[in-house]
N, C-alpha and C. Protein backbone atom coordinates (compact mmCIF):
# COMPACT_ATOMS: atom_id res chain seq x y z
N MET A 1 0.73 -0.95 -0.44
CA MET A 1 -0.14 0.04 -0.18
C MET A 1 1.24 1.61 -0.23
N GLU A 2 1.79 0.92 1.00
CA GLU A 2 2.60 2.48 1.24
C GLU A 2 3.43 2.39 -0.09
N SER A 3 4.01 1.44 -0.94
CA SER A 3 4.91 1.66 -2.31
C SER A 3 4.11 2.22 -3.01
N THR A 4 2.82 1.76 -3.13
CA THR A 4 1.65 2.40 -4.51
C THR A 4 1.44 3.94 -4.27
N ALA A 5 1.18 4.37 -2.95
CA ALA A 5 1.37 5.62 -2.86
C ALA A 5 2.29 6.39 -3.11
N ARG A 6 3.40 6.03 -3.05
CA ARG A 6 4.97 6.55 -3.03
C ARG A 6 5.08 6.47 -4.26
N LYS A 7 4.94 5.47 -5.03
CA LYS A 7 4.36 5.71 -6.98
C LYS A 7 4.02 6.93 -7.62
N LEU A 8 2.61 6.95 -6.81
CA LEU A 8 1.83 7.59 -7.02
C LEU A 8 2.68 9.02 -7.09
N GLU A 9 2.97 9.55 -5.78
CA GLU A 9 3.49 10.72 -5.55
C GLU A 9 4.65 10.94 -6.56
N GLU A 10 5.53 9.98 -6.89
CA GLU A 10 6.75 10.07 -7.87
C GLU A 10 6.13 10.59 -8.92
N GLN A 11 5.13 10.07 -9.53
CA GLN A 11 4.56 9.98 -11.00
C GLN A 11 3.47 11.43 -10.87
N ILE A 12 3.21 11.91 -9.75
CA ILE A 12 2.94 13.34 -9.95
C ILE A 12 3.60 14.29 -10.03
N ALA A 13 4.75 13.86 -9.29
CA ALA A 13 5.84 15.14 -8.88
C ALA A 13 6.42 15.02 -10.18
N GLU A 14 6.91 13.80 -10.95
CA GLU A 14 7.37 13.98 -12.64
C GLU A 14 5.96 14.89 -13.46
N ASN A 15 4.64 14.33 -13.57
CA ASN A 15 3.95 15.35 -14.32
C ASN A 15 3.95 16.92 -13.96
N PHE A 16 4.22 17.31 -12.71
CA PHE A 16 4.37 18.53 -12.23
C PHE A 16 5.83 19.53 -12.90
N MET A 17 6.79 18.64 -12.77
CA MET A 17 8.01 19.01 -13.36
C MET A 17 7.93 19.20 -14.96
N GLN A 18 6.81 18.71 -15.54
CA GLN A 18 7.02 18.52 -16.80
C GLN A 18 6.03 19.37 -17.38
N ILE A 19 5.66 19.69 -16.65
CA ILE A 19 4.40 21.27 -16.85
C ILE A 19 5.61 22.23 -16.82
N ILE A 20 6.04 22.34 -15.73
CA ILE A 20 7.25 23.35 -15.33
C ILE A 20 8.27 23.36 -16.60
N TYR A 21 8.86 22.81 -16.95
CA TYR A 21 9.81 22.66 -17.52
C TYR A 21 9.72 21.88 -19.32
N GLY A 22 8.18 21.46 -19.43
CA GLY A 22 8.28 21.36 -20.77
C GLY A 22 9.03 19.99 -21.02
N GLU A 23 9.48 19.78 -22.18
CA GLU A 23 10.09 18.42 -23.02
C GLU A 23 11.72 18.53 -21.96
N LYS A 24 12.40 19.72 -21.53
CA LYS A 24 13.73 19.58 -21.29
C LYS A 24 13.68 18.66 -19.85
N TYR A 25 12.50 18.20 -19.13
CA TYR A 25 12.51 17.46 -18.28
C TYR A 25 12.81 16.19 -18.72
N LEU A 26 13.38 15.48 -18.10
CA LEU A 26 13.78 14.33 -18.63
C LEU A 26 13.87 13.17 -17.27
N SER A 27 12.69 12.00 -17.68
CA SER A 27 12.93 11.16 -16.03
C SER A 27 14.34 10.46 -16.52
N PRO A 28 14.69 9.89 -15.06
CA PRO A 28 15.74 9.58 -14.86
C PRO A 28 16.27 8.21 -15.95
N VAL A 29 15.43 7.18 -16.40
CA VAL A 29 14.99 6.31 -16.88
C VAL A 29 15.29 7.01 -18.36
N LYS A 30 14.60 7.92 -18.73
CA LYS A 30 14.65 8.54 -20.38
C LYS A 30 16.43 9.16 -20.28
N ARG A 31 16.18 9.86 -19.57
CA ARG A 31 17.83 10.29 -19.45
C ARG A 31 19.03 9.22 -19.88
N LYS A 32 18.84 8.05 -19.27
CA LYS A 32 19.55 6.96 -19.19
C LYS A 32 19.73 6.48 -20.59
N ARG A 33 18.36 6.25 -21.23
CA ARG A 33 18.48 5.84 -22.53
C ARG A 33 18.90 6.60 -23.48
N ILE A 34 18.76 7.95 -23.23
CA ILE A 34 19.56 8.96 -24.08
C ILE A 34 20.86 8.52 -23.99
N ASN A 35 21.59 8.32 -22.75
CA ASN A 35 22.95 8.41 -22.57
C ASN A 35 23.62 7.45 -23.41
N ASP A 36 22.63 6.10 -23.33
CA ASP A 36 22.92 4.72 -24.00
C ASP A 36 23.11 4.87 -25.32
N PHE A 37 21.87 5.44 -25.94
CA PHE A 37 21.83 5.60 -27.30
C PHE A 37 23.38 6.11 -27.65
N TRP A 38 23.22 7.20 -27.25
CA TRP A 38 24.49 8.41 -27.48
C TRP A 38 25.76 7.37 -27.66
N ASP A 39 26.18 6.82 -26.74
CA ASP A 39 26.96 5.66 -26.65
C ASP A 39 27.31 4.53 -27.54
N PHE A 40 25.94 4.22 -28.09
CA PHE A 40 25.94 2.68 -28.90
C PHE A 40 26.29 3.61 -30.47
N CYS A 41 25.39 4.99 -30.63
CA CYS A 41 25.98 5.41 -31.87
C CYS A 41 27.54 5.53 -32.14
N HIS A 42 28.01 6.39 -31.03
CA HIS A 42 29.19 6.85 -30.76
C HIS A 42 29.95 5.51 -31.24
N ALA A 43 29.71 4.57 -30.95
CA ALA A 43 30.53 3.16 -30.62
C ALA A 43 30.37 3.10 -32.18
N GLN A 44 29.12 2.77 -32.72
CA GLN A 44 28.92 2.32 -34.12
C GLN A 44 29.35 2.99 -35.28
N PHE A 45 29.43 4.30 -35.71
CA PHE A 45 28.98 5.46 -36.44
C PHE A 45 30.58 6.07 -36.54
N TRP A 46 31.29 7.08 -35.17
CA TRP A 46 32.01 7.83 -34.93
C TRP A 46 33.42 7.51 -34.01
N PRO A 47 33.69 5.83 -33.97
CA PRO A 47 34.27 5.44 -32.68
C PRO A 47 35.95 5.88 -33.10
N CYS A 48 36.65 6.65 -33.98
CA CYS A 48 37.68 7.11 -34.16
C CYS A 48 37.52 8.64 -33.68
N GLN A 49 36.31 9.13 -33.29
CA GLN A 49 36.24 10.67 -33.34
C GLN A 49 35.98 10.93 -31.40
N ASN A 50 36.79 11.78 -31.08
CA ASN A 50 36.75 12.19 -29.98
C ASN A 50 35.75 13.73 -29.74
N PHE A 51 34.82 13.39 -28.89
CA PHE A 51 34.23 14.73 -28.82
C PHE A 51 34.26 15.50 -27.60
N THR A 52 33.71 16.82 -27.47
CA THR A 52 34.37 17.78 -26.46
C THR A 52 32.52 17.11 -25.40
N GLU A 53 33.00 17.47 -23.82
CA GLU A 53 31.43 17.19 -23.48
C GLU A 53 30.41 18.32 -23.62
N ALA A 54 30.72 19.56 -24.25
CA ALA A 54 30.15 20.30 -24.77
C ALA A 54 29.22 19.68 -25.97
N GLU A 55 29.95 19.07 -26.79
CA GLU A 55 29.31 18.47 -28.11
C GLU A 55 28.68 17.04 -27.73
N LYS A 56 28.85 16.40 -27.09
CA LYS A 56 28.27 15.26 -26.45
C LYS A 56 26.76 16.21 -25.61
N GLU A 57 26.63 16.60 -25.12
CA GLU A 57 25.41 17.40 -24.32
C GLU A 57 24.17 17.73 -25.52
N LYS A 58 24.96 18.35 -26.86
CA LYS A 58 24.52 18.91 -27.79
C LYS A 58 23.88 17.41 -28.58
N PHE A 59 24.51 16.42 -28.59
CA PHE A 59 24.14 15.15 -29.28
C PHE A 59 22.90 14.72 -28.33
N LYS A 60 22.94 14.37 -27.17
CA LYS A 60 21.91 14.22 -26.25
C LYS A 60 20.91 14.65 -26.99
N GLU A 61 20.80 16.28 -26.28
CA GLU A 61 19.52 17.17 -26.62
C GLU A 61 19.03 16.74 -28.14
N LEU A 62 19.41 16.27 -29.17
CA LEU A 62 18.99 16.01 -30.60
C LEU A 62 18.51 14.69 -29.96
N ILE A 63 19.02 13.71 -29.74
CA ILE A 63 18.74 12.33 -29.49
C ILE A 63 17.17 12.75 -28.41
N ALA A 64 16.91 14.00 -27.53
CA ALA A 64 16.12 13.65 -26.88
C ALA A 64 14.82 13.88 -27.66
N ASP A 65 15.04 14.66 -29.07
CA ASP A 65 13.75 14.69 -29.40
C ASP A 65 13.22 13.42 -29.71
N HIS A 66 13.73 12.52 -29.93
CA HIS A 66 13.84 11.27 -30.50
C HIS A 66 12.62 10.14 -29.65
N PHE A 67 13.09 11.03 -28.40
CA PHE A 67 12.33 10.37 -27.05
C PHE A 67 11.25 10.84 -26.61
N ILE A 68 10.36 11.40 -27.43
CA ILE A 68 9.10 12.09 -27.00
C ILE A 68 8.44 11.00 -26.69
N CYS A 69 7.86 10.41 -25.93
CA CYS A 69 6.97 8.89 -25.78
C CYS A 69 6.98 8.58 -24.15
N ASP A 70 6.07 7.27 -24.21
CA ASP A 70 5.78 6.91 -23.16
C ASP A 70 6.71 6.22 -21.95
N ASP A 71 7.25 5.48 -23.13
CA ASP A 71 8.20 4.15 -22.84
C ASP A 71 9.57 4.20 -23.56
N PRO A 72 10.63 4.61 -22.55
CA PRO A 72 11.60 5.04 -23.00
C PRO A 72 12.46 3.67 -23.47
N ASN A 73 12.04 2.81 -22.84
CA ASN A 73 12.59 1.30 -22.88
C ASN A 73 12.47 0.62 -24.32
N GLN A 74 11.30 1.13 -24.46
CA GLN A 74 10.61 0.51 -26.02
C GLN A 74 11.01 1.33 -27.21
N ARG A 75 11.68 2.66 -26.58
CA ARG A 75 11.64 3.76 -27.74
C ARG A 75 13.19 3.17 -28.45
N PHE A 76 13.61 2.75 -27.10
CA PHE A 76 15.32 2.68 -27.16
C PHE A 76 15.62 1.51 -28.32
N VAL A 77 14.85 0.40 -27.65
CA VAL A 77 15.10 -0.80 -28.79
C VAL A 77 14.50 -0.44 -30.32
N GLU A 78 13.65 0.36 -30.11
CA GLU A 78 13.23 0.90 -32.08
C GLU A 78 14.39 1.59 -32.14
N LEU A 79 15.02 2.71 -31.47
CA LEU A 79 16.10 3.33 -32.43
C LEU A 79 17.60 2.69 -32.52
N ILE A 80 17.55 1.85 -31.48
CA ILE A 80 18.80 0.73 -31.95
C ILE A 80 18.56 -0.12 -33.12
N GLU A 81 17.04 -0.57 -33.07
CA GLU A 81 17.14 -1.30 -34.59
C GLU A 81 17.49 -0.32 -35.70
N ARG A 82 17.02 0.90 -35.40
CA ARG A 82 16.84 1.88 -36.63
C ARG A 82 18.42 2.04 -36.85
N ALA A 83 19.22 2.02 -36.22
CA ALA A 83 20.83 2.45 -36.12
C ALA A 83 21.62 1.15 -36.57
N ILE A 84 21.10 0.50 -36.10
CA ILE A 84 21.66 -0.95 -36.81
C ILE A 84 20.88 -1.32 -38.30
N LEU A 85 19.89 -0.94 -38.76
CA LEU A 85 19.70 -0.96 -40.42
C LEU A 85 20.60 0.08 -40.97
N ALA A 86 20.96 1.61 -40.29
CA ALA A 86 21.52 2.31 -40.87
C ALA A 86 23.00 1.83 -41.03
N LYS A 87 23.48 1.17 -40.37
CA LYS A 87 24.99 0.74 -40.26
C LYS A 87 24.72 -0.52 -41.17
N ARG A 88 23.69 -1.51 -41.55
CA ARG A 88 23.77 -2.16 -42.39
C ARG A 88 23.80 -1.74 -43.76
N TYR A 89 22.56 -0.51 -44.08
CA TYR A 89 22.79 0.07 -45.01
C TYR A 89 24.42 0.74 -45.62
N ILE A 90 25.08 1.52 -45.04
CA ILE A 90 26.19 1.94 -45.14
C ILE A 90 27.01 0.85 -45.58
N ARG A 91 27.04 -0.60 -45.10
CA ARG A 91 27.97 -1.44 -44.81
C ARG A 91 28.00 -2.12 -46.46
N ARG A 92 26.83 -2.00 -47.23
CA ARG A 92 26.30 -2.59 -48.24
C ARG A 92 27.03 -2.16 -49.41
N ARG A 93 27.46 -0.84 -49.58
CA ARG A 93 28.06 -0.28 -50.67
C ARG A 93 29.10 0.74 -50.30
N VAL A 94 30.01 0.62 -51.00
CA VAL A 94 31.76 1.78 -50.60
C VAL A 94 30.91 3.14 -51.34
N GLY A 95 31.20 3.86 -50.15
CA GLY A 95 30.63 5.46 -50.74
C GLY A 95 29.78 5.62 -49.87
N ARG A 96 29.08 5.11 -49.32
CA ARG A 96 27.74 5.62 -48.46
C ARG A 96 28.67 5.60 -46.90
N TYR A 97 28.11 6.45 -46.34
CA TYR A 97 28.29 7.54 -44.84
C TYR A 97 27.03 7.83 -44.30
N ILE A 98 28.01 7.98 -42.74
CA ILE A 98 26.79 8.68 -41.84
C ILE A 98 27.21 10.03 -41.57
N ALA A 99 26.69 10.76 -41.81
CA ALA A 99 26.49 12.04 -41.41
C ALA A 99 27.02 12.45 -40.12
N LYS A 100 28.02 13.59 -39.66
CA LYS A 100 28.48 13.49 -38.68
C LYS A 100 26.97 14.05 -37.85
N PRO A 101 27.20 13.54 -35.99
CA PRO A 101 26.54 13.71 -35.29
C PRO A 101 25.20 14.66 -35.22
N ILE A 102 26.11 15.82 -35.54
CA ILE A 102 25.24 17.00 -35.30
C ILE A 102 23.98 17.22 -36.14
N ASP A 103 24.52 16.50 -37.53
CA ASP A 103 23.16 16.17 -38.13
C ASP A 103 22.51 15.03 -38.27
N TRP A 104 23.14 13.81 -38.68
CA TRP A 104 22.62 12.57 -38.22
C TRP A 104 21.47 12.82 -37.30
N LEU A 105 21.81 12.91 -35.84
CA LEU A 105 20.91 12.96 -34.84
C LEU A 105 20.10 14.12 -34.77
N ASN A 106 20.08 14.71 -36.05
CA ASN A 106 19.02 16.30 -35.75
C ASN A 106 17.56 15.76 -36.38
N ILE A 107 16.56 15.70 -35.63
CA ILE A 107 14.96 15.20 -36.13
C ILE A 107 14.47 15.95 -37.35
N ASN A 108 15.09 17.01 -37.70
CA ASN A 108 14.95 17.43 -39.11
C ASN A 108 15.49 17.18 -40.04
N PHE A 109 16.77 16.33 -39.86
CA PHE A 109 17.61 15.98 -40.78
C PHE A 109 17.20 14.78 -41.78
N ARG A 110 16.34 14.88 -43.18
CA ARG A 110 16.03 13.20 -43.10
C ARG A 110 16.68 12.01 -43.84
N PHE A 111 17.98 12.23 -43.74
CA PHE A 111 18.82 11.24 -44.41
C PHE A 111 19.39 11.15 -42.95
N GLY A 112 19.15 11.11 -41.82
CA GLY A 112 19.58 10.85 -40.76
C GLY A 112 18.72 9.70 -39.95
N LEU A 113 18.67 9.70 -38.70
CA LEU A 113 18.02 8.84 -37.62
C LEU A 113 16.57 9.02 -37.86
N SER A 114 16.29 10.19 -38.27
CA SER A 114 14.73 10.33 -38.76
C SER A 114 14.13 9.44 -40.04
N GLY A 115 15.39 9.24 -40.97
CA GLY A 115 15.14 8.65 -42.11
C GLY A 115 14.82 7.77 -41.83
N THR A 116 15.33 6.58 -40.90
CA THR A 116 15.13 5.58 -40.45
C THR A 116 13.85 5.02 -40.16
N ALA A 117 13.25 6.02 -39.90
CA ALA A 117 11.68 5.79 -39.52
C ALA A 117 10.75 4.77 -40.57
N ARG A 118 11.12 5.07 -41.78
CA ARG A 118 10.47 4.79 -42.73
C ARG A 118 10.84 2.73 -42.79
N TRP A 119 12.00 2.93 -42.75
CA TRP A 119 13.03 1.74 -42.73
C TRP A 119 12.40 0.84 -41.71
N TYR A 120 12.38 1.33 -40.16
CA TYR A 120 11.74 0.60 -39.42
C TYR A 120 10.34 0.16 -39.17
N GLN A 121 9.36 1.24 -40.22
CA GLN A 121 7.98 0.97 -40.42
C GLN A 121 7.99 -0.90 -41.08
N GLU A 122 8.70 -0.59 -42.48
CA GLU A 122 9.01 -1.23 -43.63
C GLU A 122 9.43 -2.40 -42.81
N LEU A 123 10.12 -2.75 -42.15
CA LEU A 123 10.54 -3.92 -41.02
C LEU A 123 9.59 -4.73 -40.23
N GLU A 124 8.68 -3.50 -39.78
CA GLU A 124 7.49 -4.13 -38.95
C GLU A 124 7.04 -4.93 -39.65
N GLN A 125 5.96 -4.14 -41.07
CA GLN A 125 5.16 -4.76 -42.09
C GLN A 125 5.56 -6.06 -42.58
N GLN A 126 6.91 -6.36 -42.77
CA GLN A 126 7.25 -7.58 -43.05
C GLN A 126 7.18 -8.48 -41.75
N ARG A 127 7.52 -8.01 -40.63
CA ARG A 127 7.48 -9.06 -39.69
C ARG A 127 6.02 -9.80 -39.53
N LEU A 128 5.27 -8.92 -39.78
CA LEU A 128 3.68 -9.10 -39.93
C LEU A 128 3.49 -10.49 -40.46
N THR A 129 3.74 -10.54 -41.83
CA THR A 129 3.84 -11.74 -42.95
C THR A 129 4.75 -12.80 -42.60
N VAL A 130 6.27 -12.33 -42.21
CA VAL A 130 7.13 -13.12 -41.92
C VAL A 130 7.83 -13.13 -40.72
N PRO A 131 7.35 -13.78 -39.47
CA PRO A 131 7.52 -13.42 -38.07
C PRO A 131 8.76 -13.33 -37.90
N HIS A 132 9.79 -14.35 -38.41
CA HIS A 132 11.50 -14.46 -38.07
C HIS A 132 12.16 -13.61 -38.93
N TYR A 133 11.31 -12.65 -39.30
CA TYR A 133 12.16 -11.75 -40.73
C TYR A 133 13.07 -10.53 -39.76
N ASN A 134 14.45 -10.57 -39.82
CA ASN A 134 15.45 -9.87 -39.41
C ASN A 134 15.53 -9.68 -37.92
N GLU A 135 14.57 -11.03 -37.44
CA GLU A 135 14.64 -11.29 -35.76
C GLU A 135 16.22 -10.92 -35.16
N ALA A 136 17.33 -11.05 -35.77
CA ALA A 136 18.50 -10.90 -35.12
C ALA A 136 18.69 -9.26 -34.86
N VAL A 137 18.49 -8.48 -35.76
CA VAL A 137 18.51 -7.24 -35.83
C VAL A 137 17.65 -6.53 -34.22
N ALA A 138 16.46 -7.29 -33.64
CA ALA A 138 15.64 -7.01 -32.43
C ALA A 138 16.10 -7.78 -31.63
N PHE A 139 16.89 -8.94 -31.65
CA PHE A 139 17.64 -9.77 -30.64
C PHE A 139 18.93 -8.46 -30.45
N LEU A 140 19.66 -8.33 -31.26
CA LEU A 140 20.53 -7.45 -30.82
C LEU A 140 20.25 -6.05 -30.03
N ALA A 141 19.42 -5.61 -30.53
CA ALA A 141 18.62 -4.19 -29.62
C ALA A 141 18.09 -4.54 -28.52
N LYS A 142 17.68 -5.59 -28.32
CA LYS A 142 16.83 -6.17 -27.07
C LYS A 142 18.19 -6.00 -25.94
N ALA A 143 19.11 -6.98 -26.45
CA ALA A 143 20.29 -7.22 -25.96
C ALA A 143 21.34 -6.35 -24.96
N ILE A 144 21.06 -5.42 -25.97
CA ILE A 144 21.61 -3.94 -25.59
C ILE A 144 20.85 -3.40 -24.75
N LEU A 145 19.52 -3.58 -24.58
CA LEU A 145 19.02 -2.70 -23.54
C LEU A 145 19.07 -3.40 -22.24
N SER A 146 19.01 -5.08 -22.62
CA SER A 146 19.24 -5.98 -20.90
C SER A 146 20.70 -5.26 -20.50
N PHE A 147 21.55 -5.06 -21.66
CA PHE A 147 23.30 -4.57 -21.29
C PHE A 147 23.26 -3.40 -20.72
N CYS A 148 22.06 -2.38 -20.59
CA CYS A 148 22.24 -1.15 -20.05
C CYS A 148 21.38 -1.30 -19.04
N LYS A 149 20.41 -2.16 -18.62
CA LYS A 149 19.24 -2.39 -17.62
C LYS A 149 20.46 -2.52 -16.57
N ASP A 150 21.49 -3.90 -16.59
CA ASP A 150 21.96 -4.94 -15.53
C ASP A 150 22.97 -5.04 -16.49
N THR A 151 24.12 -4.83 -16.22
CA THR A 151 25.28 -5.47 -16.51
C THR A 151 25.92 -6.59 -16.41
N ASP A 152 25.56 -7.43 -17.12
CA ASP A 152 25.77 -8.81 -16.35
C ASP A 152 27.12 -9.57 -17.33
N PRO A 153 28.00 -10.14 -16.57
CA PRO A 153 28.98 -10.57 -17.81
C PRO A 153 29.23 -12.07 -18.16
N GLN A 154 27.59 -12.75 -17.87
CA GLN A 154 27.44 -14.04 -18.28
C GLN A 154 26.60 -13.84 -19.66
N GLU A 155 25.68 -12.72 -19.43
CA GLU A 155 25.05 -12.26 -20.40
C GLU A 155 25.66 -12.11 -21.63
N ILE A 156 26.67 -11.72 -21.81
CA ILE A 156 27.79 -11.04 -22.84
C ILE A 156 28.04 -12.70 -23.42
N GLU A 157 28.46 -13.32 -22.86
CA GLU A 157 28.47 -14.90 -23.12
C GLU A 157 27.14 -15.46 -23.99
N ILE A 158 26.44 -15.08 -23.88
CA ILE A 158 25.08 -15.73 -23.98
C ILE A 158 24.87 -15.10 -25.22
N VAL A 159 24.78 -13.76 -25.46
CA VAL A 159 24.28 -13.03 -26.56
C VAL A 159 25.77 -13.42 -27.48
N ARG A 160 26.68 -13.44 -27.32
CA ARG A 160 27.80 -13.58 -28.22
C ARG A 160 27.84 -14.55 -29.15
N ASN A 161 27.21 -16.03 -28.17
CA ASN A 161 27.05 -17.33 -28.44
C ASN A 161 25.91 -17.41 -29.78
N GLU A 162 24.58 -16.74 -29.02
CA GLU A 162 23.85 -16.71 -30.01
C GLU A 162 24.13 -16.07 -31.10
N LEU A 163 24.34 -15.03 -31.43
CA LEU A 163 24.89 -14.57 -32.65
C LEU A 163 25.89 -15.19 -33.83
N ILE A 164 26.96 -15.79 -33.09
CA ILE A 164 27.49 -16.87 -33.61
C ILE A 164 27.00 -17.66 -34.20
N GLU A 165 26.01 -18.80 -33.28
CA GLU A 165 25.15 -19.61 -33.94
C GLU A 165 24.48 -19.18 -35.00
N ASN A 166 23.86 -17.91 -35.12
CA ASN A 166 23.20 -17.50 -36.29
C ASN A 166 23.95 -16.81 -37.30
N ARG A 167 25.25 -16.69 -37.23
CA ARG A 167 25.80 -16.44 -38.40
C ARG A 167 25.48 -14.84 -38.65
N GLN A 168 25.75 -14.15 -37.24
CA GLN A 168 25.13 -12.97 -37.19
C GLN A 168 26.39 -12.07 -37.18
N TYR A 169 27.71 -12.02 -37.99
CA TYR A 169 28.58 -11.74 -37.77
C TYR A 169 29.18 -10.59 -37.50
N ASP A 170 28.29 -9.49 -38.72
CA ASP A 170 28.35 -7.89 -38.49
C ASP A 170 27.77 -7.66 -37.35
N LEU A 171 26.38 -8.44 -36.74
CA LEU A 171 25.95 -7.94 -35.70
C LEU A 171 26.64 -8.42 -34.04
N LEU A 172 27.42 -9.04 -34.27
CA LEU A 172 28.87 -9.43 -33.24
C LEU A 172 29.13 -8.28 -33.57
N ASN A 173 29.95 -8.02 -34.37
CA ASN A 173 30.80 -6.50 -34.22
C ASN A 173 30.41 -5.62 -33.72
N MET A 174 29.41 -5.62 -34.22
CA MET A 174 28.18 -4.45 -33.55
C MET A 174 28.42 -4.58 -31.77
N TYR A 175 27.69 -5.33 -31.55
CA TYR A 175 27.42 -6.10 -29.96
C TYR A 175 29.05 -5.73 -29.33
N ASN A 176 29.56 -6.57 -29.79
CA ASN A 176 31.08 -5.92 -29.07
C ASN A 176 31.84 -4.61 -28.85
N ARG A 177 31.76 -4.11 -30.19
CA ARG A 177 32.27 -2.90 -29.94
C ARG A 177 31.20 -2.07 -29.07
N ALA A 178 29.65 -2.23 -29.22
CA ALA A 178 28.89 -1.53 -28.03
C ALA A 178 29.65 -2.05 -26.53
N ILE A 179 29.61 -3.26 -26.19
CA ILE A 179 30.04 -3.28 -24.84
C ILE A 179 31.20 -2.75 -24.67
N ILE A 180 32.25 -2.97 -25.27
CA ILE A 180 33.64 -2.36 -24.94
C ILE A 180 33.27 -0.58 -24.47
N HIS A 181 32.86 -0.28 -25.86
CA HIS A 181 32.46 1.52 -25.53
C HIS A 181 31.75 1.42 -24.18
N PHE A 182 30.29 0.97 -23.94
CA PHE A 182 29.63 1.03 -22.77
C PHE A 182 30.94 0.76 -21.48
N LEU A 183 31.50 -0.02 -21.30
CA LEU A 183 32.44 -0.21 -20.33
C LEU A 183 33.79 0.17 -20.21
N PHE A 184 34.53 0.38 -21.34
CA PHE A 184 35.86 1.13 -21.04
C PHE A 184 35.76 2.79 -21.42
N ILE A 185 35.00 3.15 -22.61
CA ILE A 185 35.16 4.06 -23.04
C ILE A 185 34.29 5.52 -22.61
N ASN A 186 32.91 4.94 -22.45
CA ASN A 186 32.02 5.94 -22.25
C ASN A 186 32.18 6.91 -21.05
């Protein structure tokens, strides 16, 4: 009974803060997912670049525009899947590239993260008719979320083995790069 009342008080306080600060106020979970998504993108798209703290904060503000939603964990998984689709897109042909983060993360830049929304919708439509279509992409996105929630070394090996077993070597590379970035670089 007491925990329910406490949760209600926290929810009222959060809603009140949102009224005062608008979308600039972010819940701790949403802020964590934004930070995690930035770390994932940094590891995948710009691993050889160092950014200042001010630049990173600007990038996270741009990412926050993509997190206007009720469930930050669900949005995080979706955005990770979209980033994976973008990574696979650029790897398919020489000459393709990801724009600099200030552009790619901008919600108004149609050739960036926003442009991947259509790809994701097509992926979801395909999954309605072929349930296991590109399921390794969803598996990796959920594995990244799980790792961000609870860093478990045993889970790393399980995910690694699953990706190897399914011959998803590009996703294994993305996973390894992300884990290294989460643990040692961010």
